[in-house]
Amino acid sequence: MIKKAKWFWSYRIGKTEYWLGEQARAGQRLVNVNLATRTFTFEEAAPTEMHYHIDYKNDKQEARLHQAGWVNVVKKGSWTIRATTKPTLYPSRQPLFKRL
């Protein structure tokens, strides 16, 4: 297991999603997040082109996103980190905007 600390701020979600994609391309698969310590845990894997999406209280779209190929990687409280290799549909950012 590889642990990396990174700030997880709701107004920089896009940068965090991009960073997670870079980790996947480098052969590190996300397996857990500790929101209190801001630590992301990865395990070694084959390098993959992965797209991540961080959601806040957005369970209404769960079934539709699953059908579109999104998989819940980590779910902590109100936060969900989803991933897919072929994004054809992106989750709504509306719940996140309401939080801000």
Protein backbone atom coordinates (compact mmCIF):
# COMPACT_ATOMS: atom_id res chain seq x y z
CA MET A 1 0.00 0.00 0.00
CA ILE A 2 1.13 3.50 -0.82
CA LYS A 3 -0.19 6.45 1.19
CA LYS A 4 -0.04 10.03 -0.09
CA ALA A 5 -1.26 13.13 1.69
CA LYS A 6 -3.03 15.71 -0.48
CA TRP A 7 -5.39 18.51 0.40
CA PHE A 8 -8.97 17.58 -0.38
CA TRP A 9 -10.74 20.91 -0.75
CA SER A 10 -14.20 21.04 -2.26
CA TYR A 11 -13.35 24.08 -4.38
CA ARG A 12 -10.41 22.29 -6.02
CA ILE A 13 -12.17 19.08 -6.91
CA GLY A 14 -11.10 19.20 -10.57
CA LYS A 15 -7.42 19.31 -9.64
CA THR A 16 -7.84 16.39 -7.24
CA GLU A 17 -9.68 14.37 -9.91
CA TYR A 18 -6.89 15.07 -12.40
CA TRP A 19 -4.25 14.09 -9.82
CA LEU A 20 -6.05 10.79 -9.17
CA GLY A 21 -6.02 10.12 -12.93
CA GLU A 22 -2.27 10.79 -13.01
CA GLN A 23 -1.78 8.27 -10.21
CA ALA A 24 -3.74 5.65 -12.19
CA ARG A 25 -1.60 6.32 -15.28
CA ALA A 26 1.47 5.82 -13.06
CA GLY A 27 0.19 2.41 -11.92
CA GLN A 28 -1.36 3.34 -8.59
CA ARG A 29 -5.01 2.37 -8.02
CA LEU A 30 -7.00 4.31 -5.40
CA VAL A 31 -8.37 2.06 -2.64
CA ASN A 32 -9.18 4.40 0.26
CA VAL A 33 -9.29 7.98 1.51
CA ASN A 34 -8.99 9.25 5.06
CA LEU A 35 -10.76 12.61 5.00
CA ALA A 36 -9.56 13.56 8.48
CA THR A 37 -5.86 13.20 7.63
CA ARG A 38 -6.27 13.99 3.91
CA THR A 39 -4.48 10.76 3.04
CA PHE A 40 -5.16 8.82 -0.14
CA THR A 41 -4.21 5.13 -0.13
CA PHE A 42 -3.19 3.40 -3.36
CA GLU A 43 -2.06 -0.06 -4.34
CA GLU A 44 0.22 -1.03 -7.19
CA ALA A 45 -1.66 -1.90 -10.38
CA ALA A 46 -1.18 -1.87 -14.13
CA PRO A 47 -1.08 1.68 -15.51
CA THR A 48 -4.60 2.58 -16.63
CA GLU A 49 -6.28 5.56 -18.26
CA MET A 50 -8.84 6.24 -15.53
CA HIS A 51 -11.22 9.18 -15.11
CA TYR A 52 -12.30 10.12 -11.60
CA HIS A 53 -15.24 12.13 -10.37
CA ILE A 54 -15.69 13.32 -6.78
CA ASP A 55 -19.31 13.73 -5.70
CA TYR A 56 -20.98 15.21 -2.67
CA LYS A 57 -24.44 13.90 -1.66
CA ASN A 58 -25.30 12.80 -5.18
CA ASP A 59 -26.89 9.38 -4.69
CA LYS A 60 -29.92 10.17 -6.88
CA GLN A 61 -27.89 9.46 -10.03
CA GLU A 62 -26.34 6.23 -8.71
CA ALA A 63 -28.17 3.75 -10.98
CA ARG A 64 -27.78 5.88 -14.11
CA LEU A 65 -24.06 6.39 -13.48
CA HIS A 66 -23.53 2.67 -12.85
CA GLN A 67 -25.18 1.91 -16.21
CA ALA A 68 -22.83 4.44 -17.85
CA GLY A 69 -19.79 2.59 -16.49
CA TRP A 70 -18.98 4.57 -13.33
CA VAL A 71 -17.87 2.51 -10.32
CA ASN A 72 -17.84 3.75 -6.73
CA VAL A 73 -14.21 3.47 -5.63
CA VAL A 74 -14.52 5.11 -2.20
CA LYS A 75 -17.55 6.29 -0.26
CA LYS A 76 -16.94 8.26 2.95
CA GLY A 77 -19.85 10.01 4.61
CA SER A 78 -21.39 12.34 2.05
CA TRP A 79 -18.42 12.03 -0.34
CA THR A 80 -18.14 9.49 -3.16
CA ILE A 81 -15.20 9.04 -5.52
CA ARG A 82 -16.23 7.36 -8.76
CA ALA A 83 -14.07 6.11 -11.61
CA THR A 84 -14.46 4.91 -15.18
CA THR A 85 -12.19 4.12 -18.09
CA LYS A 86 -14.59 5.47 -20.72
CA PRO A 87 -16.63 8.47 -19.59
CA THR A 88 -19.75 8.81 -21.70
CA LEU A 89 -21.80 10.55 -19.02
CA TYR A 90 -20.56 12.84 -16.28
CA PRO A 91 -22.25 13.16 -12.89
CA SER A 92 -23.89 16.47 -12.06
CA ARG A 93 -21.86 18.98 -10.04
CA GLN A 94 -25.04 20.60 -8.64
CA PRO A 95 -24.86 18.99 -5.14
CA LEU A 96 -21.24 20.08 -4.83
CA PHE A 97 -22.09 23.65 -5.88
CA LYS A 98 -24.85 23.75 -3.25
CA ARG A 99 -22.31 22.74 -0.61
CA LEU A 100 -20.04 25.62 -1.54
